[in-house]
Amino acid sequence: KLNSTGQFLWATRAGGIDTDGAGQIRIDIFDNVYIAGWFTGKAEFGTLSTESADDKQRTYLAKITQDGHFNRLITAEGPTEWLITDMAIDRDGNSFLVGSMVLTINPPNVDTNAIALKLSPDGKNLWQKYAGGNGRDIGTAIGIDGKGAVYVGGSFQGDGRFGQTDLTSNGSDNIFIWKLKDIP
């Protein structure tokens, strides 16, 4: 972390002996740092640690205090793999994440759906929504307006359902914009 004049304040590390990475970083109004990415196997985030049960690549969201200490770690474990591609933090400290989750792998095709979710400041899953259909459907961008509506952008193939709306692509990959009302 650097201050506004470029002076070094702190640095920290996370991960393990396998492939780990960070894909997104956001700062809330309290100067807490949120970082999302992936890890494989066992990974340490300060005094917090996690391990994927099957040594597959898994997704994480970590929160770092303004003085550089990890104080929250959330990981995605389950029967499917998913990847966070974007996130937003609202003025209340809620995290909004978007990405994709793998449904089936039938080489050379991979069927994925877009996923959007909201986490409370303490990491509780408040809601999650899925969109898409057959084919590769990926959420790549997320934003929140001043009234709490959530906007998700991404790409989709074939036919897909986004809330109550059915969309059909005109070719290979097409763009979708999906508006969600925030659910308290």
C-alpha atoms as a PDB file:
ATOM      1  CA  LYS A   1       0.000   0.000   0.000  1.00  0.00           C
ATOM      2  CA  LEU A   2       1.225   3.471  -0.866  1.00  0.00           C
ATOM      3  CA  ASN A   3      -0.098   6.748   0.509  1.00  0.00           C
ATOM      4  CA  SER A   4      -1.266   9.619  -1.729  1.00  0.00           C
ATOM      5  CA  THR A   5       2.306  10.888  -2.157  1.00  0.00           C
ATOM      6  CA  GLY A   6       3.663   7.455  -3.122  1.00  0.00           C
ATOM      7  CA  GLN A   7       5.265   6.662   0.236  1.00  0.00           C
ATOM      8  CA  PHE A   8       5.371   2.936   1.082  1.00  0.00           C
ATOM      9  CA  LEU A   9       3.046   1.921   3.947  1.00  0.00           C
ATOM     10  CA  TRP A  10       2.841  -1.882   3.962  1.00  0.00           C
ATOM     11  CA  ALA A  11       2.905  -5.081   1.893  1.00  0.00           C
ATOM     12  CA  THR A  12       1.613  -8.577   2.595  1.00  0.00           C
ATOM     13  CA  ARG A  13       1.575 -11.977   0.909  1.00  0.00           C
ATOM     14  CA  ALA A  14      -0.852 -14.864   0.534  1.00  0.00           C
ATOM     15  CA  GLY A  15      -0.943 -18.280  -1.097  1.00  0.00           C
ATOM     16  CA  GLY A  16       0.866 -21.566  -0.872  1.00  0.00           C
ATOM     17  CA  ILE A  17       3.175 -23.842  -2.861  1.00  0.00           C
ATOM     18  CA  ASP A  18       0.725 -24.323  -5.747  1.00  0.00           C
ATOM     19  CA  THR A  19      -0.676 -21.866  -8.298  1.00  0.00           C
ATOM     20  CA  ASP A  20      -2.471 -18.929  -6.642  1.00  0.00           C
ATOM     21  CA  GLY A  21      -3.476 -15.540  -7.962  1.00  0.00           C
ATOM     22  CA  ALA A  22      -5.411 -12.327  -7.501  1.00  0.00           C
ATOM     23  CA  GLY A  23      -7.858 -11.148 -10.130  1.00  0.00           C
ATOM     24  CA  GLN A  24      -9.745  -8.271  -8.512  1.00  0.00           C
ATOM     25  CA  ILE A  25      -9.076  -5.670  -5.841  1.00  0.00           C
ATOM     26  CA  ARG A  26     -11.454  -3.060  -4.396  1.00  0.00           C
ATOM     27  CA  ILE A  27     -11.306  -0.586  -1.501  1.00  0.00           C
ATOM     28  CA  ASP A  28     -14.288   0.315   0.718  1.00  0.00           C
ATOM     29  CA  ILE A  29     -14.998   3.696   2.302  1.00  0.00           C
ATOM     30  CA  PHE A  30     -13.117   2.606   5.458  1.00  0.00           C
ATOM     31  CA  ASP A  31      -9.952   1.818   3.425  1.00  0.00           C
ATOM     32  CA  ASN A  32     -10.350  -1.941   3.870  1.00  0.00           C
ATOM     33  CA  VAL A  33      -8.972  -3.874   0.898  1.00  0.00           C
ATOM     34  CA  TYR A  34     -10.988  -6.676  -0.737  1.00  0.00           C
ATOM     35  CA  ILE A  35      -9.118  -9.076  -2.967  1.00  0.00           C
ATOM     36  CA  ALA A  36     -10.580 -11.930  -5.004  1.00  0.00           C
ATOM     37  CA  GLY A  37      -8.796 -14.639  -6.928  1.00  0.00           C
ATOM     38  CA  TRP A  38      -7.956 -18.319  -6.946  1.00  0.00           C
ATOM     39  CA  PHE A  39      -5.851 -20.837  -5.045  1.00  0.00           C
ATOM     40  CA  THR A  40      -4.907 -24.484  -5.465  1.00  0.00           C
ATOM     41  CA  GLY A  41      -4.236 -26.890  -2.620  1.00  0.00           C
ATOM     42  CA  LYS A  42      -3.389 -25.169   0.665  1.00  0.00           C
ATOM     43  CA  ALA A  43      -3.138 -21.375   0.925  1.00  0.00           C
ATOM     44  CA  GLU A  44      -2.395 -19.008   3.792  1.00  0.00           C
ATOM     45  CA  PHE A  45      -3.685 -15.449   4.129  1.00  0.00           C
ATOM     46  CA  GLY A  46      -1.886 -14.019   7.136  1.00  0.00           C
ATOM     47  CA  THR A  47      -3.075 -16.098  10.094  1.00  0.00           C
ATOM     48  CA  LEU A  48      -6.022 -17.488   8.079  1.00  0.00           C
ATOM     49  CA  SER A  49      -5.658 -20.613   5.963  1.00  0.00           C
ATOM     50  CA  THR A  50      -7.713 -22.741   3.635  1.00  0.00           C
ATOM     51  CA  GLU A  51      -7.313 -25.905   1.601  1.00  0.00           C
ATOM     52  CA  SER A  52      -9.202 -27.254  -1.388  1.00  0.00           C
ATOM     53  CA  ALA A  53     -10.312 -30.771  -0.575  1.00  0.00           C
ATOM     54  CA  ASP A  54      -9.613 -32.094  -4.067  1.00  0.00           C
ATOM     55  CA  ASP A  55      -6.575 -29.961  -5.011  1.00  0.00           C
ATOM     56  CA  LYS A  56      -8.637 -28.230  -7.708  1.00  0.00           C
ATOM     57  CA  GLN A  57      -8.453 -24.505  -8.280  1.00  0.00           C
ATOM     58  CA  ARG A  58     -10.893 -22.695  -5.976  1.00  0.00           C
ATOM     59  CA  THR A  59     -12.077 -19.117  -5.599  1.00  0.00           C
ATOM     60  CA  TYR A  60     -11.509 -16.879  -2.575  1.00  0.00           C
ATOM     61  CA  LEU A  61     -12.483 -13.445  -1.296  1.00  0.00           C
ATOM     62  CA  ALA A  62     -10.229 -11.946   1.371  1.00  0.00           C
ATOM     63  CA  LYS A  63     -10.537  -8.745   3.362  1.00  0.00           C
ATOM     64  CA  ILE A  64      -7.451  -6.871   4.504  1.00  0.00           C
ATOM     65  CA  THR A  65      -7.641  -4.115   7.126  1.00  0.00           C
ATOM     66  CA  GLN A  66      -6.294  -0.660   6.375  1.00  0.00           C
ATOM     67  CA  ASP A  67      -3.106  -1.553   8.271  1.00  0.00           C
ATOM     68  CA  GLY A  68      -2.419  -4.660   6.147  1.00  0.00           C
ATOM     69  CA  HIS A  69      -3.798  -7.576   8.194  1.00  0.00           C
ATOM     70  CA  PHE A  70      -6.081 -10.264   6.750  1.00  0.00           C
ATOM     71  CA  ASN A  71      -9.246 -10.437   8.853  1.00  0.00           C
ATOM     72  CA  ARG A  72     -11.660 -12.403   6.639  1.00  0.00           C
ATOM     73  CA  LEU A  73     -11.350 -15.245   4.167  1.00  0.00           C
ATOM     74  CA  ILE A  74     -14.212 -16.809   2.234  1.00  0.00           C
ATOM     75  CA  THR A  75     -13.691 -19.676  -0.163  1.00  0.00           C
ATOM     76  CA  ALA A  76     -15.946 -21.490  -2.600  1.00  0.00           C
ATOM     77  CA  GLU A  77     -16.001 -25.246  -2.109  1.00  0.00           C
ATOM     78  CA  GLY A  78     -18.477 -27.629  -3.626  1.00  0.00           C
ATOM     79  CA  PRO A  79     -19.142 -29.970  -6.513  1.00  0.00           C
ATOM     80  CA  THR A  80     -18.372 -27.329  -9.137  1.00  0.00           C
ATOM     81  CA  GLU A  81     -15.630 -24.846  -9.870  1.00  0.00           C
ATOM     82  CA  TRP A  82     -16.346 -21.145 -10.193  1.00  0.00           C
ATOM     83  CA  LEU A  83     -14.346 -18.030 -10.828  1.00  0.00           C
ATOM     84  CA  ILE A  84     -14.847 -14.432  -9.681  1.00  0.00           C
ATOM     85  CA  THR A  85     -14.293 -12.027 -12.576  1.00  0.00           C
ATOM     86  CA  ASP A  86     -15.399  -8.729 -11.001  1.00  0.00           C
ATOM     87  CA  MET A  87     -16.640  -7.281  -7.722  1.00  0.00           C
ATOM     88  CA  ALA A  88     -18.058  -4.110  -6.237  1.00  0.00           C
ATOM     89  CA  ILE A  89     -18.321  -2.881  -2.647  1.00  0.00           C
ATOM     90  CA  ASP A  90     -21.267  -0.686  -1.622  1.00  0.00           C
ATOM     91  CA  ARG A  91     -21.201   2.140   0.949  1.00  0.00           C
ATOM     92  CA  ASP A  92     -22.390  -0.294   3.662  1.00  0.00           C
ATOM     93  CA  GLY A  93     -19.469  -2.687   3.084  1.00  0.00           C
ATOM     94  CA  ASN A  94     -21.478  -5.377   1.274  1.00  0.00           C
ATOM     95  CA  SER A  95     -19.555  -7.262  -1.431  1.00  0.00           C
ATOM     96  CA  PHE A  96     -21.142  -7.950  -4.814  1.00  0.00           C
ATOM     97  CA  LEU A  97     -19.365 -10.619  -6.844  1.00  0.00           C
ATOM     98  CA  VAL A  98     -19.846 -11.841 -10.396  1.00  0.00           C
ATOM     99  CA  GLY A  99     -18.279 -14.663 -12.346  1.00  0.00           C
ATOM    100  CA  SER A 100     -19.036 -18.057 -13.745  1.00  0.00           C
ATOM    101  CA  MET A 101     -19.489 -21.561 -12.456  1.00  0.00           C
ATOM    102  CA  VAL A 102     -18.713 -24.741 -14.358  1.00  0.00           C
ATOM    103  CA  LEU A 103     -21.732 -26.995 -14.828  1.00  0.00           C
ATOM    104  CA  THR A 104     -20.345 -29.720 -17.090  1.00  0.00           C
ATOM    105  CA  ILE A 105     -17.138 -30.427 -18.914  1.00  0.00           C
ATOM    106  CA  ASN A 106     -17.586 -32.402 -22.103  1.00  0.00           C
ATOM    107  CA  PRO A 107     -14.358 -31.759 -24.051  1.00  0.00           C
ATOM    108  CA  PRO A 108     -13.930 -29.645 -26.026  1.00  0.00           C
ATOM    109  CA  ASN A 109     -17.086 -27.943 -24.662  1.00  0.00           C
ATOM    110  CA  VAL A 110     -17.475 -26.467 -21.210  1.00  0.00           C
ATOM    111  CA  ASP A 111     -20.965 -25.478 -20.017  1.00  0.00           C
ATOM    112  CA  THR A 112     -20.901 -22.559 -17.565  1.00  0.00           C
ATOM    113  CA  ASN A 113     -23.492 -20.218 -16.095  1.00  0.00           C
ATOM    114  CA  ALA A 114     -23.062 -16.663 -14.902  1.00  0.00           C
ATOM    115  CA  ILE A 115     -23.351 -16.148 -11.143  1.00  0.00           C
ATOM    116  CA  ALA A 116     -23.904 -12.988  -9.108  1.00  0.00           C
ATOM    117  CA  LEU A 117     -23.939 -12.881  -5.327  1.00  0.00           C
ATOM    118  CA  LYS A 118     -24.055 -10.484  -2.416  1.00  0.00           C
ATOM    119  CA  LEU A 119     -22.137 -10.958   0.830  1.00  0.00           C
ATOM    120  CA  SER A 120     -22.684  -8.963   4.025  1.00  0.00           C
ATOM    121  CA  PRO A 121     -19.763  -7.070   5.622  1.00  0.00           C
ATOM    122  CA  ASP A 122     -19.129 -10.095   7.863  1.00  0.00           C
ATOM    123  CA  GLY A 123     -19.117 -12.490   4.873  1.00  0.00           C
ATOM    124  CA  LYS A 124     -22.609 -13.982   5.129  1.00  0.00           C
ATOM    125  CA  ASN A 125     -24.139 -14.984   1.783  1.00  0.00           C
ATOM    126  CA  LEU A 126     -27.223 -12.739   1.458  1.00  0.00           C
ATOM    127  CA  TRP A 127     -28.277 -13.891  -2.020  1.00  0.00           C
ATOM    128  CA  GLN A 128     -27.018 -15.497  -5.184  1.00  0.00           C
ATOM    129  CA  LYS A 129     -28.473 -15.559  -8.674  1.00  0.00           C
ATOM    130  CA  TYR A 130     -27.620 -17.667 -11.689  1.00  0.00           C
ATOM    131  CA  ALA A 131     -28.172 -16.897 -15.362  1.00  0.00           C
ATOM    132  CA  GLY A 132     -27.568 -18.539 -18.688  1.00  0.00           C
ATOM    133  CA  GLY A 133     -28.433 -21.800 -20.363  1.00  0.00           C
ATOM    134  CA  ASN A 134     -26.608 -24.296 -22.535  1.00  0.00           C
ATOM    135  CA  GLY A 135     -23.167 -23.073 -23.530  1.00  0.00           C
ATOM    136  CA  ARG A 136     -20.575 -20.765 -22.070  1.00  0.00           C
ATOM    137  CA  ASP A 137     -22.291 -17.988 -20.074  1.00  0.00           C
ATOM    138  CA  ILE A 138     -19.897 -15.764 -18.134  1.00  0.00           C
ATOM    139  CA  GLY A 139     -20.507 -12.748 -15.911  1.00  0.00           C
ATOM    140  CA  THR A 140     -17.554 -10.369 -16.355  1.00  0.00           C
ATOM    141  CA  ALA A 141     -18.635  -7.009 -14.895  1.00  0.00           C
ATOM    142  CA  ILE A 142     -20.783  -5.790 -12.006  1.00  0.00           C
ATOM    143  CA  GLY A 143     -21.940  -2.363 -10.853  1.00  0.00           C
ATOM    144  CA  ILE A 144     -24.360  -0.886  -8.315  1.00  0.00           C
ATOM    145  CA  ASP A 145     -26.423   2.253  -8.842  1.00  0.00           C
ATOM    146  CA  GLY A 146     -27.406   4.788  -6.168  1.00  0.00           C
ATOM    147  CA  LYS A 147     -30.766   3.060  -5.581  1.00  0.00           C
ATOM    148  CA  GLY A 148     -29.275  -0.395  -4.932  1.00  0.00           C
ATOM    149  CA  ALA A 149     -29.940  -1.996  -8.324  1.00  0.00           C
ATOM    150  CA  VAL A 150     -27.201  -4.370  -9.427  1.00  0.00           C
ATOM    151  CA  TYR A 151     -26.060  -4.525 -13.052  1.00  0.00           C
ATOM    152  CA  VAL A 152     -24.221  -7.542 -14.443  1.00  0.00           C
ATOM    153  CA  GLY A 153     -22.573  -7.703 -17.849  1.00  0.00           C
ATOM    154  CA  GLY A 154     -20.990 -10.598 -19.637  1.00  0.00           C
ATOM    155  CA  SER A 155     -21.208 -12.926 -22.590  1.00  0.00           C
ATOM    156  CA  PHE A 156     -23.456 -15.855 -23.441  1.00  0.00           C
ATOM    157  CA  GLN A 157     -23.866 -18.537 -26.085  1.00  0.00           C
ATOM    158  CA  GLY A 158     -27.062 -20.039 -27.480  1.00  0.00           C
ATOM    159  CA  ASP A 159     -30.199 -19.560 -25.386  1.00  0.00           C
ATOM    160  CA  GLY A 160     -30.099 -18.212 -21.863  1.00  0.00           C
ATOM    161  CA  ARG A 161     -32.452 -17.094 -19.111  1.00  0.00           C
ATOM    162  CA  PHE A 162     -31.645 -13.892 -17.240  1.00  0.00           C
ATOM    163  CA  GLY A 163     -34.207 -13.428 -14.486  1.00  0.00           C
ATOM    164  CA  GLN A 164     -37.548 -13.583 -16.287  1.00  0.00           C
ATOM    165  CA  THR A 165     -36.048 -12.742 -19.687  1.00  0.00           C
ATOM    166  CA  ASP A 166     -34.975 -15.287 -22.297  1.00  0.00           C
ATOM    167  CA  LEU A 167     -32.188 -14.233 -24.661  1.00  0.00           C
ATOM    168  CA  THR A 168     -30.871 -15.923 -27.816  1.00  0.00           C
ATOM    169  CA  SER A 169     -27.415 -15.159 -29.185  1.00  0.00           C
ATOM    170  CA  ASN A 170     -27.024 -14.193 -32.832  1.00  0.00           C
ATOM    171  CA  GLY A 171     -23.890 -16.264 -33.254  1.00  0.00           C
ATOM    172  CA  SER A 172     -21.083 -17.503 -31.089  1.00  0.00           C
ATOM    173  CA  ASP A 173     -20.732 -15.210 -28.073  1.00  0.00           C
ATOM    174  CA  ASN A 174     -23.053 -12.242 -27.512  1.00  0.00           C
ATOM    175  CA  ILE A 175     -23.163  -9.599 -24.794  1.00  0.00           C
ATOM    176  CA  PHE A 176     -25.763  -9.534 -22.016  1.00  0.00           C
ATOM    177  CA  ILE A 177     -26.661  -6.808 -19.549  1.00  0.00           C
ATOM    178  CA  TRP A 178     -28.716  -8.102 -16.618  1.00  0.00           C
ATOM    179  CA  LYS A 179     -30.355  -5.785 -14.071  1.00  0.00           C
ATOM    180  CA  LEU A 180     -31.105  -7.184 -10.623  1.00  0.00           C
ATOM    181  CA  LYS A 181     -32.966  -5.454  -7.875  1.00  0.00           C
ATOM    182  CA  ASP A 182     -30.941  -5.675  -4.693  1.00  0.00           C
ATOM    183  CA  ILE A 183     -32.553  -8.067  -2.242  1.00  0.00           C
ATOM    184  CA  PRO A 184     -32.055  -6.906   1.353  1.00  0.00           C
END
